[in-house]
Structures are given as C-alpha cells and as structure tokens.
Amino acid sequence: MDLQDYTKAVDVYADSVYRVAYSYTYTKVDSEDVLQNVFLT
C-alpha cells in the first residue's frame, strides 16, 4: 500500500472508526487515541 492508498483509506474510514470508538469510550480524547492506533498499526 502506498501513501496515496493509505490516505484514501483514512479518508474513507476515519469517521466510521471514530464513531465506533466513541460508542465504546464516550470521550473525545480516548476516541481519537483509538483512531490513531487503528491507522498506525
């Protein structure tokens, strides 16, 4: 996967991942941490 593909995947899935994370954590900061961890690993 090149940088362009990675960027496209983040653009497509970031909102959905954030919403799912928020439904579990109920905090903005923790949800953002989960979002970063999903796309960095």
N, C-alpha and C. Protein backbone atom coordinates (compact mmCIF):
# COMPACT_ATOMS: atom_id res chain seq x y z
N MET A 1 0.85 -1.17 0.00
CA MET A 1 0.00 0.00 0.00
C MET A 1 0.90 1.23 0.00
N ASP A 2 0.67 2.12 -0.95
CA ASP A 2 1.45 3.34 -1.00
C ASP A 2 0.73 4.46 -0.23
N LEU A 3 1.38 5.60 -0.15
CA LEU A 3 0.85 6.72 0.64
C LEU A 3 -0.52 7.18 0.13
N GLN A 4 -0.71 7.19 -1.16
CA GLN A 4 -1.99 7.62 -1.72
C GLN A 4 -3.10 6.66 -1.31
N ASP A 5 -2.84 5.36 -1.34
CA ASP A 5 -3.84 4.37 -0.92
C ASP A 5 -4.14 4.51 0.57
N TYR A 6 -3.10 4.71 1.35
CA TYR A 6 -3.26 4.87 2.80
C TYR A 6 -4.12 6.10 3.11
N THR A 7 -3.81 7.20 2.45
CA THR A 7 -4.57 8.44 2.66
C THR A 7 -6.03 8.25 2.28
N LYS A 8 -6.28 7.54 1.19
CA LYS A 8 -7.65 7.29 0.76
C LYS A 8 -8.39 6.44 1.79
N ALA A 9 -7.72 5.42 2.33
CA ALA A 9 -8.34 4.55 3.34
C ALA A 9 -8.68 5.35 4.59
N VAL A 10 -7.78 6.22 5.01
CA VAL A 10 -8.05 7.06 6.18
C VAL A 10 -9.24 7.97 5.91
N ASP A 11 -9.26 8.59 4.73
CA ASP A 11 -10.38 9.48 4.38
C ASP A 11 -11.71 8.73 4.38
N VAL A 12 -11.71 7.52 3.89
CA VAL A 12 -12.95 6.75 3.76
C VAL A 12 -13.43 6.23 5.12
N TYR A 13 -12.51 5.75 5.96
CA TYR A 13 -12.92 5.03 7.16
C TYR A 13 -12.76 5.78 8.49
N ALA A 14 -12.11 6.91 8.50
CA ALA A 14 -11.83 7.60 9.76
C ALA A 14 -13.10 7.95 10.54
N ASP A 15 -14.10 8.48 9.88
CA ASP A 15 -15.33 8.86 10.58
C ASP A 15 -16.02 7.65 11.21
N SER A 16 -16.08 6.57 10.46
CA SER A 16 -16.73 5.36 10.99
C SER A 16 -15.96 4.79 12.16
N VAL A 17 -14.65 4.74 12.05
CA VAL A 17 -13.83 4.22 13.14
C VAL A 17 -14.00 5.10 14.37
N TYR A 18 -13.99 6.41 14.18
CA TYR A 18 -14.16 7.33 15.30
C TYR A 18 -15.51 7.11 15.99
N ARG A 19 -16.58 6.97 15.21
CA ARG A 19 -17.91 6.78 15.79
C ARG A 19 -18.00 5.49 16.59
N VAL A 20 -17.41 4.43 16.08
CA VAL A 20 -17.42 3.16 16.82
C VAL A 20 -16.60 3.31 18.10
N ALA A 21 -15.44 3.93 18.00
CA ALA A 21 -14.60 4.14 19.18
C ALA A 21 -15.34 4.98 20.22
N TYR A 22 -16.02 6.01 19.77
CA TYR A 22 -16.75 6.88 20.70
C TYR A 22 -17.89 6.12 21.38
N SER A 23 -18.51 5.20 20.65
CA SER A 23 -19.61 4.44 21.24
C SER A 23 -19.12 3.53 22.36
N TYR A 24 -17.84 3.23 22.37
CA TYR A 24 -17.27 2.42 23.45
C TYR A 24 -16.65 3.27 24.56
N THR A 25 -16.02 4.39 24.19
CA THR A 25 -15.26 5.16 25.17
C THR A 25 -16.03 6.35 25.76
N TYR A 26 -16.94 6.93 24.97
CA TYR A 26 -17.71 8.11 25.37
C TYR A 26 -16.86 9.34 25.68
N THR A 27 -15.62 9.35 25.22
CA THR A 27 -14.78 10.54 25.37
C THR A 27 -14.08 10.85 24.06
N LYS A 28 -13.96 12.13 23.76
CA LYS A 28 -13.31 12.56 22.52
C LYS A 28 -11.84 12.15 22.49
N VAL A 29 -11.14 12.40 23.57
CA VAL A 29 -9.71 12.12 23.62
C VAL A 29 -9.43 10.63 23.43
N ASP A 30 -10.15 9.79 24.14
CA ASP A 30 -9.93 8.35 24.01
C ASP A 30 -10.31 7.86 22.62
N SER A 31 -11.36 8.40 22.06
CA SER A 31 -11.77 8.01 20.71
C SER A 31 -10.71 8.39 19.68
N GLU A 32 -10.12 9.56 19.85
CA GLU A 32 -9.04 9.98 18.95
C GLU A 32 -7.82 9.09 19.10
N ASP A 33 -7.53 8.67 20.32
CA ASP A 33 -6.42 7.74 20.54
C ASP A 33 -6.66 6.41 19.83
N VAL A 34 -7.87 5.91 19.95
CA VAL A 34 -8.22 4.66 19.27
C VAL A 34 -8.08 4.84 17.76
N LEU A 35 -8.58 5.93 17.24
CA LEU A 35 -8.49 6.21 15.81
C LEU A 35 -7.04 6.20 15.34
N GLN A 36 -6.17 6.86 16.08
CA GLN A 36 -4.75 6.87 15.72
C GLN A 36 -4.16 5.47 15.77
N ASN A 37 -4.50 4.72 16.80
CA ASN A 37 -3.95 3.36 16.93
C ASN A 37 -4.41 2.45 15.80
N VAL A 38 -5.64 2.63 15.36
CA VAL A 38 -6.16 1.79 14.27
C VAL A 38 -5.35 2.03 12.99
N PHE A 39 -5.06 3.28 12.70
CA PHE A 39 -4.39 3.58 11.42
C PHE A 39 -2.87 3.55 11.51
N LEU A 40 -2.33 3.44 12.70
CA LEU A 40 -0.87 3.35 12.82
C LEU A 40 -0.38 1.92 12.92
N THR A 41 -1.28 0.99 13.18
CA THR A 41 -0.85 -0.41 13.32
C THR A 41 -1.30 -1.23 12.15
